């Protein structure tokens, strides 16, 4: 029984680590790509984004 609990714990730790790594990698990738393209968001081009 102890083996099952320990194995389940480590499987969950690995799965959560992978999910968090993918989430942060995607977030930072999108930030870098947006910076490289020089995009200006709607809050920078006038009220309600009307200057787009």
PDB file of N, CA and C in Angstrom:
ATOM      1  N   UNK A   1       0.817  -1.196   0.000  1.00  0.00           N
ATOM      2  CA  UNK A   1       0.000   0.000   0.000  1.00  0.00           C
ATOM      3  C   UNK A   1       0.865   1.265   0.000  1.00  0.00           C
ATOM      4  N   UNK A   2       1.928   1.250   0.770  1.00  0.00           N
ATOM      5  CA  UNK A   2       2.826   2.398   0.834  1.00  0.00           C
ATOM      6  C   UNK A   2       3.428   2.686  -0.540  1.00  0.00           C
ATOM      7  N   UNK A   3       3.775   1.629  -1.255  1.00  0.00           N
ATOM      8  CA  UNK A   3       4.362   1.779  -2.588  1.00  0.00           C
ATOM      9  C   UNK A   3       3.382   2.479  -3.526  1.00  0.00           C
ATOM     10  N   UNK A   4       2.115   2.116  -3.460  1.00  0.00           N
ATOM     11  CA  UNK A   4       1.088   2.707  -4.317  1.00  0.00           C
ATOM     12  C   UNK A   4       0.916   4.197  -4.028  1.00  0.00           C
ATOM     13  N   UNK A   5       0.893   4.565  -2.769  1.00  0.00           N
ATOM     14  CA  UNK A   5       0.731   5.968  -2.381  1.00  0.00           C
ATOM     15  C   UNK A   5       1.933   6.782  -2.837  1.00  0.00           C
ATOM     16  N   UNK A   6       3.124   6.252  -2.624  1.00  0.00           N
ATOM     17  CA  UNK A   6       4.340   6.972  -3.012  1.00  0.00           C
ATOM     18  C   UNK A   6       4.432   7.126  -4.527  1.00  0.00           C
ATOM     19  N   UNK A   7       4.102   6.081  -5.255  1.00  0.00           N
ATOM     20  CA  UNK A   7       4.136   6.141  -6.713  1.00  0.00           C
ATOM     21  C   UNK A   7       3.116   7.144  -7.236  1.00  0.00           C
ATOM     22  N   UNK A   8       1.922   7.135  -6.680  1.00  0.00           N
ATOM     23  CA  UNK A   8       0.889   8.083  -7.087  1.00  0.00           C
ATOM     24  C   UNK A   8       1.323   9.514  -6.806  1.00  0.00           C
ATOM     25  N   UNK A   9       1.944   9.734  -5.668  1.00  0.00           N
ATOM     26  CA  UNK A   9       2.434  11.068  -5.320  1.00  0.00           C
ATOM     27  C   UNK A   9       3.442  11.559  -6.343  1.00  0.00           C
ATOM     28  N   UNK A  10       4.424  10.731  -6.688  1.00  0.00           N
ATOM     29  CA  UNK A  10       5.464  11.161  -7.622  1.00  0.00           C
ATOM     30  C   UNK A  10       4.925  11.345  -9.036  1.00  0.00           C
ATOM     31  N   UNK A  11       3.950  10.535  -9.418  1.00  0.00           N
ATOM     32  CA  UNK A  11       3.321  10.726 -10.726  1.00  0.00           C
ATOM     33  C   UNK A  11       2.606  12.075 -10.768  1.00  0.00           C
ATOM     34  N   UNK A  12       1.920  12.429  -9.689  1.00  0.00           N
ATOM     35  CA  UNK A  12       1.230  13.721  -9.636  1.00  0.00           C
ATOM     36  C   UNK A  12       2.221  14.879  -9.655  1.00  0.00           C
ATOM     37  N   UNK A  13       3.331  14.739  -8.941  1.00  0.00           N
ATOM     38  CA  UNK A  13       4.351  15.793  -8.929  1.00  0.00           C
ATOM     39  C   UNK A  13       4.893  16.013 -10.333  1.00  0.00           C
ATOM     40  N   UNK A  14       5.190  14.942 -11.042  1.00  0.00           N
ATOM     41  CA  UNK A  14       5.726  15.059 -12.396  1.00  0.00           C
ATOM     42  C   UNK A  14       4.687  15.670 -13.333  1.00  0.00           C
ATOM     43  N   UNK A  15       3.440  15.234 -13.232  1.00  0.00           N
ATOM     44  CA  UNK A  15       2.392  15.765 -14.109  1.00  0.00           C
ATOM     45  C   UNK A  15       2.164  17.257 -13.878  1.00  0.00           C
ATOM     46  N   UNK A  16       2.129  17.672 -12.629  1.00  0.00           N
ATOM     47  CA  UNK A  16       1.931  19.090 -12.319  1.00  0.00           C
ATOM     48  C   UNK A  16       3.122  19.906 -12.804  1.00  0.00           C
ATOM     49  N   UNK A  17       4.330  19.376 -12.648  1.00  0.00           N
ATOM     50  CA  UNK A  17       5.522  20.074 -13.129  1.00  0.00           C
ATOM     51  C   UNK A  17       5.480  20.261 -14.638  1.00  0.00           C
ATOM     52  N   UNK A  18       5.087  19.236 -15.361  1.00  0.00           N
ATOM     53  CA  UNK A  18       5.008  19.331 -16.822  1.00  0.00           C
ATOM     54  C   UNK A  18       3.949  20.349 -17.233  1.00  0.00           C
ATOM     55  N   UNK A  19       2.798  20.319 -16.590  1.00  0.00           N
ATOM     56  CA  UNK A  19       1.725  21.258 -16.930  1.00  0.00           C
ATOM     57  C   UNK A  19       2.167  22.699 -16.674  1.00  0.00           C
ATOM     58  N   UNK A  20       2.807  22.952 -15.544  1.00  0.00           N
ATOM     59  CA  UNK A  20       3.274  24.305 -15.236  1.00  0.00           C
ATOM     60  C   UNK A  20       4.365  24.758 -16.195  1.00  0.00           C
ATOM     61  N   UNK A  21       5.264  23.850 -16.549  1.00  0.00           N
ATOM     62  CA  UNK A  21       6.326  24.190 -17.490  1.00  0.00           C
ATOM     63  C   UNK A  21       5.749  24.573 -18.845  1.00  0.00           C
ATOM     64  N   UNK A  22       4.795  23.814 -19.329  1.00  0.00           N
ATOM     65  CA  UNK A  22       4.159  24.126 -20.614  1.00  0.00           C
ATOM     66  C   UNK A  22       3.428  25.463 -20.537  1.00  0.00           C
ATOM     67  N   UNK A  23       2.737  25.715 -19.441  1.00  0.00           N
ATOM     68  CA  UNK A  23       1.989  26.969 -19.299  1.00  0.00           C
ATOM     69  C   UNK A  23       2.924  28.177 -19.315  1.00  0.00           C
ATOM     70  N   UNK A  24       3.989  28.139 -18.526  1.00  0.00           N
ATOM     71  CA  UNK A  24       4.907  29.271 -18.481  1.00  0.00           C
ATOM     72  C   UNK A  24       5.684  29.429 -19.777  1.00  0.00           C
ATOM     73  N   UNK A  25       6.052  28.323 -20.409  1.00  0.00           N
ATOM     74  CA  UNK A  25       6.764  28.402 -21.682  1.00  0.00           C
ATOM     75  C   UNK A  25       5.882  29.054 -22.741  1.00  0.00           C
ATOM     76  N   UNK A  26       4.626  28.669 -22.800  1.00  0.00           N
ATOM     77  CA  UNK A  26       3.697  29.263 -23.763  1.00  0.00           C
ATOM     78  C   UNK A  26       3.509  30.748 -23.488  1.00  0.00           C
ATOM     79  N   UNK A  27       3.358  31.106 -22.227  1.00  0.00           N
ATOM     80  CA  UNK A  27       3.165  32.508 -21.859  1.00  0.00           C
ATOM     81  C   UNK A  27       4.356  33.361 -22.288  1.00  0.00           C
ATOM     82  N   UNK A  28       5.567  32.920 -21.936  1.00  0.00           N
ATOM     83  CA  UNK A  28       6.749  33.706 -22.272  1.00  0.00           C
ATOM     84  C   UNK A  28       7.028  33.706 -23.766  1.00  0.00           C
ATOM     85  N   UNK A  29       6.719  32.613 -24.449  1.00  0.00           N
ATOM     86  CA  UNK A  29       6.890  32.574 -25.900  1.00  0.00           C
ATOM     87  C   UNK A  29       5.991  33.615 -26.563  1.00  0.00           C
ATOM     88  N   UNK A  30       4.751  33.705 -26.118  1.00  0.00           N
ATOM     89  CA  UNK A  30       3.830  34.688 -26.684  1.00  0.00           C
ATOM     90  C   UNK A  30       4.292  36.111 -26.381  1.00  0.00           C
ATOM     91  N   UNK A  31       4.841  36.338 -25.196  1.00  0.00           N
ATOM     92  CA  UNK A  31       5.347  37.664 -24.848  1.00  0.00           C
ATOM     93  C   UNK A  31       6.524  38.054 -25.741  1.00  0.00           C
ATOM     94  N   UNK A  32       7.445  37.133 -25.953  1.00  0.00           N
ATOM     95  CA  UNK A  32       8.624  37.416 -26.781  1.00  0.00           C
ATOM     96  C   UNK A  32       8.214  37.651 -28.229  1.00  0.00           C
ATOM     97  N   UNK A  33       7.331  36.817 -28.760  1.00  0.00           N
ATOM     98  CA  UNK A  33       6.892  36.982 -30.142  1.00  0.00           C
ATOM     99  C   UNK A  33       6.153  38.314 -30.317  1.00  0.00           C
ATOM    100  N   UNK A  34       5.323  38.681 -29.361  1.00  0.00           N
ATOM    101  CA  UNK A  34       4.632  39.964 -29.422  1.00  0.00           C
ATOM    102  C   UNK A  34       5.606  41.127 -29.376  1.00  0.00           C
ATOM    103  N   UNK A  35       6.642  41.013 -28.557  1.00  0.00           N
ATOM    104  CA  UNK A  35       7.658  42.063 -28.481  1.00  0.00           C
ATOM    105  C   UNK A  35       8.428  42.161 -29.794  1.00  0.00           C
ATOM    106  N   UNK A  36       8.766  41.020 -30.389  1.00  0.00           N
ATOM    107  CA  UNK A  36       9.522  41.011 -31.641  1.00  0.00           C
ATOM    108  C   UNK A  36       8.710  41.639 -32.779  1.00  0.00           C
ATOM    109  N   UNK A  37       7.408  41.470 -32.759  1.00  0.00           N
ATOM    110  CA  UNK A  37       6.570  42.034 -33.811  1.00  0.00           C
ATOM    111  C   UNK A  37       6.232  43.500 -33.548  1.00  0.00           C
ATOM    112  N   UNK A  38       6.508  43.983 -32.355  1.00  0.00           N
ATOM    113  CA  UNK A  38       6.263  45.384 -32.023  1.00  0.00           C
ATOM    114  C   UNK A  38       4.787  45.747 -32.011  1.00  0.00           C
ATOM    115  N   UNK A  39       3.950  44.832 -31.588  1.00  0.00           N
ATOM    116  CA  UNK A  39       2.517  45.108 -31.572  1.00  0.00           C
ATOM    117  C   UNK A  39       2.158  46.066 -30.444  1.00  0.00           C
ATOM    118  N   UNK A  40       1.228  46.947 -30.747  1.00  0.00           N
ATOM    119  CA  UNK A  40       0.742  47.899 -29.756  1.00  0.00           C
ATOM    120  C   UNK A  40      -0.664  47.468 -29.362  1.00  0.00           C
ATOM    121  N   UNK A  41      -0.893  47.353 -28.081  1.00  0.00           N
ATOM    122  CA  UNK A  41      -2.195  46.900 -27.604  1.00  0.00           C
ATOM    123  C   UNK A  41      -3.250  47.993 -27.674  1.00  0.00           C
ATOM    124  N   UNK A  42      -4.503  47.624 -27.494  1.00  0.00           N
ATOM    125  CA  UNK A  42      -5.598  48.593 -27.614  1.00  0.00           C
ATOM    126  C   UNK A  42      -5.574  49.692 -26.558  1.00  0.00           C
ATOM    127  N   UNK A  43      -4.931  49.449 -25.427  1.00  0.00           N
ATOM    128  CA  UNK A  43      -4.881  50.498 -24.404  1.00  0.00           C
ATOM    129  C   UNK A  43      -3.820  51.553 -24.714  1.00  0.00           C
ATOM    130  N   UNK A  44      -3.059  51.401 -25.789  1.00  0.00           N
ATOM    131  CA  UNK A  44      -1.997  52.349 -26.144  1.00  0.00           C
ATOM    132  C   UNK A  44      -2.358  53.202 -27.356  1.00  0.00           C
ATOM    133  N   UNK A  45      -3.444  52.917 -28.035  1.00  0.00           N
ATOM    134  CA  UNK A  45      -3.758  53.612 -29.286  1.00  0.00           C
ATOM    135  C   UNK A  45      -5.027  54.454 -29.180  1.00  0.00           C
ATOM    136  N   UNK A  46      -5.364  54.869 -28.003  1.00  0.00           N
ATOM    137  CA  UNK A  46      -6.521  55.741 -27.854  1.00  0.00           C
ATOM    138  C   UNK A  46      -7.598  55.115 -26.988  1.00  0.00           C
ATOM    139  N   UNK A  47      -8.625  55.904 -26.693  1.00  0.00           N
ATOM    140  CA  UNK A  47      -9.698  55.393 -25.848  1.00  0.00           C
ATOM    141  C   UNK A  47     -10.450  54.252 -26.533  1.00  0.00           C
ATOM    142  N   UNK A  48     -10.628  53.170 -25.807  1.00  0.00           N
ATOM    143  CA  UNK A  48     -11.340  51.983 -26.286  1.00  0.00           C
ATOM    144  C   UNK A  48     -10.705  51.370 -27.527  1.00  0.00           C
ATOM    145  N   UNK A  49      -9.457  51.710 -27.815  1.00  0.00           N
ATOM    146  CA  UNK A  49      -8.777  51.136 -28.978  1.00  0.00           C
ATOM    147  C   UNK A  49      -9.288  51.677 -30.294  1.00  0.00           C
ATOM    148  N   UNK A  50      -9.880  52.872 -30.287  1.00  0.00           N
ATOM    149  CA  UNK A  50     -10.481  53.415 -31.509  1.00  0.00           C
ATOM    150  C   UNK A  50      -9.448  53.909 -32.516  1.00  0.00           C
ATOM    151  N   UNK A  51      -8.189  54.068 -32.102  1.00  0.00           N
ATOM    152  CA  UNK A  51      -7.173  54.566 -33.030  1.00  0.00           C
ATOM    153  C   UNK A  51      -6.491  53.478 -33.833  1.00  0.00           C
ATOM    154  N   UNK A  52      -7.019  52.297 -33.798  1.00  0.00           N
ATOM    155  CA  UNK A  52      -6.352  51.197 -34.503  1.00  0.00           C
ATOM    156  C   UNK A  52      -6.557  51.325 -35.986  1.00  0.00           C
TER     157      UNK A  52
END
